[in-house]
Amino acid sequence: MSWDDITLTVLATFGCVTLLLAQIDDVLGRLPRIIRAWRRVRRELDDTGEGPPGGPDAG
């Protein structure tokens, strides 16, 4: 294995790690909006009496 191969391997590894960290940051940045939207959906379903199965209306 030559130095060129080692250098390319190191650069590719760091590039993949950087891309992975950027994607994780993007997902975590959107998570609060997703949670708020999910709570809004659940609240709307509860207001209409069509809650999810196993909710307070079940049984």
PDB file of N, CA and C in Angstrom:
ATOM      1  N   MET A   1       0.857  -1.173   0.000  1.00  0.00           N
ATOM      2  CA  MET A   1       0.000   0.000   0.000  1.00  0.00           C
ATOM      3  C   MET A   1       0.902   1.235   0.000  1.00  0.00           C
ATOM      4  N   SER A   2       0.669   2.112  -0.948  1.00  0.00           N
ATOM      5  CA  SER A   2       1.508   3.311  -1.058  1.00  0.00           C
ATOM      6  C   SER A   2       0.918   4.446  -0.217  1.00  0.00           C
ATOM      7  N   TRP A   3       1.694   5.509  -0.094  1.00  0.00           N
ATOM      8  CA  TRP A   3       1.243   6.669   0.666  1.00  0.00           C
ATOM      9  C   TRP A   3       0.024   7.313   0.022  1.00  0.00           C
ATOM     10  N   ASP A   4      -0.067   7.226  -1.297  1.00  0.00           N
ATOM     11  CA  ASP A   4      -1.240   7.793  -1.981  1.00  0.00           C
ATOM     12  C   ASP A   4      -2.510   7.049  -1.564  1.00  0.00           C
ATOM     13  N   ASP A   5      -2.415   5.751  -1.484  1.00  0.00           N
ATOM     14  CA  ASP A   5      -3.580   4.960  -1.068  1.00  0.00           C
ATOM     15  C   ASP A   5      -3.967   5.262   0.380  1.00  0.00           C
ATOM     16  N   ILE A   6      -2.967   5.389   1.236  1.00  0.00           N
ATOM     17  CA  ILE A   6      -3.230   5.686   2.640  1.00  0.00           C
ATOM     18  C   ILE A   6      -3.883   7.066   2.770  1.00  0.00           C
ATOM     19  N   THR A   7      -3.340   8.035   2.049  1.00  0.00           N
ATOM     20  CA  THR A   7      -3.884   9.392   2.100  1.00  0.00           C
ATOM     21  C   THR A   7      -5.322   9.421   1.609  1.00  0.00           C
ATOM     22  N   LEU A   8      -5.597   8.755   0.499  1.00  0.00           N
ATOM     23  CA  LEU A   8      -6.959   8.722  -0.025  1.00  0.00           C
ATOM     24  C   LEU A   8      -7.913   8.013   0.941  1.00  0.00           C
ATOM     25  N   THR A   9      -7.455   6.970   1.581  1.00  0.00           N
ATOM     26  CA  THR A   9      -8.283   6.255   2.547  1.00  0.00           C
ATOM     27  C   THR A   9      -8.613   7.139   3.745  1.00  0.00           C
ATOM     28  N   VAL A  10      -7.608   7.851   4.253  1.00  0.00           N
ATOM     29  CA  VAL A  10      -7.829   8.747   5.392  1.00  0.00           C
ATOM     30  C   VAL A  10      -8.786   9.865   4.997  1.00  0.00           C
ATOM     31  N   LEU A  11      -8.591  10.472   3.840  1.00  0.00           N
ATOM     32  CA  LEU A  11      -9.469  11.546   3.390  1.00  0.00           C
ATOM     33  C   LEU A  11     -10.899  11.044   3.177  1.00  0.00           C
ATOM     34  N   ALA A  12     -11.045   9.869   2.606  1.00  0.00           N
ATOM     35  CA  ALA A  12     -12.381   9.312   2.388  1.00  0.00           C
ATOM     36  C   ALA A  12     -13.065   9.011   3.717  1.00  0.00           C
ATOM     37  N   THR A  13     -12.311   8.501   4.673  1.00  0.00           N
ATOM     38  CA  THR A  13     -12.876   8.199   5.995  1.00  0.00           C
ATOM     39  C   THR A  13     -13.354   9.476   6.676  1.00  0.00           C
ATOM     40  N   PHE A  14     -12.517  10.492   6.677  1.00  0.00           N
ATOM     41  CA  PHE A  14     -12.905  11.749   7.297  1.00  0.00           C
ATOM     42  C   PHE A  14     -14.074  12.399   6.553  1.00  0.00           C
ATOM     43  N   GLY A  15     -14.114  12.253   5.245  1.00  0.00           N
ATOM     44  CA  GLY A  15     -15.240  12.773   4.483  1.00  0.00           C
ATOM     45  C   GLY A  15     -16.541  12.085   4.852  1.00  0.00           C
ATOM     46  N   CYS A  16     -16.496  10.774   5.008  1.00  0.00           N
ATOM     47  CA  CYS A  16     -17.700  10.023   5.406  1.00  0.00           C
ATOM     48  C   CYS A  16     -18.137  10.386   6.813  1.00  0.00           C
ATOM     49  N   VAL A  17     -17.184  10.540   7.722  1.00  0.00           N
ATOM     50  CA  VAL A  17     -17.523  10.913   9.099  1.00  0.00           C
ATOM     51  C   VAL A  17     -18.138  12.312   9.123  1.00  0.00           C
ATOM     52  N   THR A  18     -17.579  13.228   8.367  1.00  0.00           N
ATOM     53  CA  THR A  18     -18.115  14.586   8.305  1.00  0.00           C
ATOM     54  C   THR A  18     -19.524  14.589   7.738  1.00  0.00           C
ATOM     55  N   LEU A  19     -19.754  13.832   6.685  1.00  0.00           N
ATOM     56  CA  LEU A  19     -21.087  13.736   6.100  1.00  0.00           C
ATOM     57  C   LEU A  19     -22.078  13.138   7.095  1.00  0.00           C
ATOM     58  N   LEU A  20     -21.674  12.103   7.801  1.00  0.00           N
ATOM     59  CA  LEU A  20     -22.531  11.471   8.796  1.00  0.00           C
ATOM     60  C   LEU A  20     -22.885  12.455   9.907  1.00  0.00           C
ATOM     61  N   LEU A  21     -21.901  13.191  10.401  1.00  0.00           N
ATOM     62  CA  LEU A  21     -22.164  14.167  11.456  1.00  0.00           C
ATOM     63  C   LEU A  21     -23.069  15.290  10.972  1.00  0.00           C
ATOM     64  N   ALA A  22     -22.918  15.709   9.739  1.00  0.00           N
ATOM     65  CA  ALA A  22     -23.780  16.751   9.194  1.00  0.00           C
ATOM     66  C   ALA A  22     -25.221  16.256   9.085  1.00  0.00           C
ATOM     67  N   GLN A  23     -25.406  15.015   8.677  1.00  0.00           N
ATOM     68  CA  GLN A  23     -26.754  14.450   8.576  1.00  0.00           C
ATOM     69  C   GLN A  23     -27.391  14.303   9.951  1.00  0.00           C
ATOM     70  N   ILE A  24     -26.623  13.867  10.932  1.00  0.00           N
ATOM     71  CA  ILE A  24     -27.142  13.742  12.298  1.00  0.00           C
ATOM     72  C   ILE A  24     -27.541  15.114  12.835  1.00  0.00           C
ATOM     73  N   ASP A  25     -26.719  16.127  12.583  1.00  0.00           N
ATOM     74  CA  ASP A  25     -27.028  17.481  13.022  1.00  0.00           C
ATOM     75  C   ASP A  25     -28.315  17.981  12.379  1.00  0.00           C
ATOM     76  N   ASP A  26     -28.508  17.673  11.101  1.00  0.00           N
ATOM     77  CA  ASP A  26     -29.710  18.098  10.397  1.00  0.00           C
ATOM     78  C   ASP A  26     -30.955  17.434  10.984  1.00  0.00           C
ATOM     79  N   VAL A  27     -30.872  16.149  11.239  1.00  0.00           N
ATOM     80  CA  VAL A  27     -32.015  15.424  11.813  1.00  0.00           C
ATOM     81  C   VAL A  27     -32.323  15.940  13.212  1.00  0.00           C
ATOM     82  N   LEU A  28     -31.307  16.131  14.043  1.00  0.00           N
ATOM     83  CA  LEU A  28     -31.532  16.629  15.398  1.00  0.00           C
ATOM     84  C   LEU A  28     -32.059  18.055  15.387  1.00  0.00           C
ATOM     85  N   GLY A  29     -31.684  18.837  14.393  1.00  0.00           N
ATOM     86  CA  GLY A  29     -32.202  20.199  14.273  1.00  0.00           C
ATOM     87  C   GLY A  29     -33.672  20.226  13.919  1.00  0.00           C
ATOM     88  N   ARG A  30     -34.141  19.239  13.182  1.00  0.00           N
ATOM     89  CA  ARG A  30     -35.545  19.172  12.790  1.00  0.00           C
ATOM     90  C   ARG A  30     -36.420  18.457  13.816  1.00  0.00           C
ATOM     91  N   LEU A  31     -35.816  17.761  14.743  1.00  0.00           N
ATOM     92  CA  LEU A  31     -36.563  16.940  15.686  1.00  0.00           C
ATOM     93  C   LEU A  31     -37.581  17.722  16.510  1.00  0.00           C
ATOM     94  N   PRO A  32     -37.269  18.900  17.052  1.00  0.00           N
ATOM     95  CA  PRO A  32     -38.292  19.626  17.811  1.00  0.00           C
ATOM     96  C   PRO A  32     -39.534  19.965  16.986  1.00  0.00           C
ATOM     97  N   ARG A  33     -39.348  20.340  15.721  1.00  0.00           N
ATOM     98  CA  ARG A  33     -40.509  20.627  14.866  1.00  0.00           C
ATOM     99  C   ARG A  33     -41.331  19.380  14.617  1.00  0.00           C
ATOM    100  N   ILE A  34     -40.650  18.253  14.428  1.00  0.00           N
ATOM    101  CA  ILE A  34     -41.362  16.993  14.199  1.00  0.00           C
ATOM    102  C   ILE A  34     -42.161  16.605  15.434  1.00  0.00           C
ATOM    103  N   ILE A  35     -41.576  16.768  16.618  1.00  0.00           N
ATOM    104  CA  ILE A  35     -42.270  16.424  17.854  1.00  0.00           C
ATOM    105  C   ILE A  35     -43.477  17.339  18.056  1.00  0.00           C
ATOM    106  N   ARG A  36     -43.308  18.644  17.815  1.00  0.00           N
ATOM    107  CA  ARG A  36     -44.442  19.566  17.946  1.00  0.00           C
ATOM    108  C   ARG A  36     -45.555  19.216  16.982  1.00  0.00           C
ATOM    109  N   ALA A  37     -45.197  18.874  15.750  1.00  0.00           N
ATOM    110  CA  ALA A  37     -46.209  18.508  14.761  1.00  0.00           C
ATOM    111  C   ALA A  37     -46.931  17.229  15.179  1.00  0.00           C
ATOM    112  N   TRP A  38     -46.195  16.247  15.702  1.00  0.00           N
ATOM    113  CA  TRP A  38     -46.813  15.003  16.150  1.00  0.00           C
ATOM    114  C   TRP A  38     -47.770  15.259  17.314  1.00  0.00           C
ATOM    115  N   ARG A  39     -47.371  16.117  18.250  1.00  0.00           N
ATOM    116  CA  ARG A  39     -48.252  16.454  19.373  1.00  0.00           C
ATOM    117  C   ARG A  39     -49.511  17.168  18.887  1.00  0.00           C
ATOM    118  N   ARG A  40     -49.350  18.016  17.889  1.00  0.00           N
ATOM    119  CA  ARG A  40     -50.508  18.713  17.330  1.00  0.00           C
ATOM    120  C   ARG A  40     -51.474  17.719  16.692  1.00  0.00           C
ATOM    121  N   VAL A  41     -50.942  16.745  15.983  1.00  0.00           N
ATOM    122  CA  VAL A  41     -51.782  15.711  15.371  1.00  0.00           C
ATOM    123  C   VAL A  41     -52.495  14.919  16.452  1.00  0.00           C
ATOM    124  N   ARG A  42     -51.768  14.515  17.482  1.00  0.00           N
ATOM    125  CA  ARG A  42     -52.397  13.753  18.570  1.00  0.00           C
ATOM    126  C   ARG A  42     -53.491  14.562  19.258  1.00  0.00           C
ATOM    127  N   ARG A  43     -53.231  15.863  19.471  1.00  0.00           N
ATOM    128  CA  ARG A  43     -54.217  16.722  20.119  1.00  0.00           C
ATOM    129  C   ARG A  43     -55.472  16.850  19.266  1.00  0.00           C
ATOM    130  N   GLU A  44     -55.277  16.995  17.958  1.00  0.00           N
ATOM    131  CA  GLU A  44     -56.427  17.083  17.058  1.00  0.00           C
ATOM    132  C   GLU A  44     -57.217  15.787  17.050  1.00  0.00           C
ATOM    133  N   LEU A  45     -56.528  14.658  17.060  1.00  0.00           N
ATOM    134  CA  LEU A  45     -57.228  13.369  17.095  1.00  0.00           C
ATOM    135  C   LEU A  45     -57.995  13.205  18.404  1.00  0.00           C
ATOM    136  N   ASP A  46     -57.409  13.642  19.508  1.00  0.00           N
ATOM    137  CA  ASP A  46     -58.092  13.535  20.794  1.00  0.00           C
ATOM    138  C   ASP A  46     -59.310  14.451  20.855  1.00  0.00           C
ATOM    139  N   ASP A  47     -59.234  15.632  20.227  1.00  0.00           N
ATOM    140  CA  ASP A  47     -60.360  16.569  20.226  1.00  0.00           C
ATOM    141  C   ASP A  47     -61.548  16.020  19.454  1.00  0.00           C
ATOM    142  N   THR A  48     -61.285  15.233  18.408  1.00  0.00           N
ATOM    143  CA  THR A  48     -62.374  14.723  17.599  1.00  0.00           C
ATOM    144  C   THR A  48     -62.908  13.404  18.146  1.00  0.00           C
ATOM    145  N   GLY A  49     -62.294  12.881  19.171  1.00  0.00           N
ATOM    146  CA  GLY A  49     -62.744  11.611  19.736  1.00  0.00           C
ATOM    147  C   GLY A  49     -62.293  10.404  18.944  1.00  0.00           C
ATOM    148  N   GLU A  50     -61.362  10.596  18.021  1.00  0.00           N
ATOM    149  CA  GLU A  50     -60.857   9.495  17.201  1.00  0.00           C
ATOM    150  C   GLU A  50     -59.423   9.208  17.597  1.00  0.00           C
ATOM    151  N   GLY A  51     -59.192   9.025  18.864  1.00  0.00           N
ATOM    152  CA  GLY A  51     -57.839   8.804  19.362  1.00  0.00           C
ATOM    153  C   GLY A  51     -57.269   7.496  18.851  1.00  0.00           C
ATOM    154  N   PRO A  52     -55.992   7.293  19.115  1.00  0.00           N
ATOM    155  CA  PRO A  52     -55.344   6.041  18.675  1.00  0.00           C
ATOM    156  C   PRO A  52     -55.884   4.855  19.451  1.00  0.00           C
ATOM    157  N   PRO A  53     -55.767   3.657  18.887  1.00  0.00           N
ATOM    158  CA  PRO A  53     -56.229   2.462  19.583  1.00  0.00           C
ATOM    159  C   PRO A  53     -55.528   2.299  20.928  1.00  0.00           C
ATOM    160  N   GLY A  54     -56.269   1.888  21.926  1.00  0.00           N
ATOM    161  CA  GLY A  54     -55.679   1.707  23.242  1.00  0.00           C
ATOM    162  C   GLY A  54     -55.663   2.987  24.059  1.00  0.00           C
ATOM    163  N   GLY A  55     -56.273   4.041  23.532  1.00  0.00           N
ATOM    164  CA  GLY A  55     -56.330   5.316  24.240  1.00  0.00           C
ATOM    165  C   GLY A  55     -57.412   5.286  25.303  1.00  0.00           C
ATOM    166  N   PRO A  56     -57.779   6.453  25.807  1.00  0.00           N
ATOM    167  CA  PRO A  56     -58.766   6.499  26.873  1.00  0.00           C
ATOM    168  C   PRO A  56     -60.159   6.035  26.445  1.00  0.00           C
ATOM    169  N   ASP A  57     -60.475   6.057  25.149  1.00  0.00           N
ATOM    170  CA  ASP A  57     -61.781   5.617  24.667  1.00  0.00           C
ATOM    171  C   ASP A  57     -61.868   4.117  24.492  1.00  0.00           C
ATOM    172  N   ALA A  58     -60.728   3.431  24.563  1.00  0.00           N
ATOM    173  CA  ALA A  58     -60.728   1.983  24.318  1.00  0.00           C
ATOM    174  C   ALA A  58     -61.336   1.247  25.518  1.00  0.00           C
ATOM    175  N   GLY A  59     -62.034   0.171  25.202  1.00  0.00           N
ATOM    176  CA  GLY A  59     -62.501  -0.697  26.248  1.00  0.00           C
ATOM    177  C   GLY A  59     -63.857  -0.471  26.668  1.00  0.00           C
TER     178      GLY A  59
END
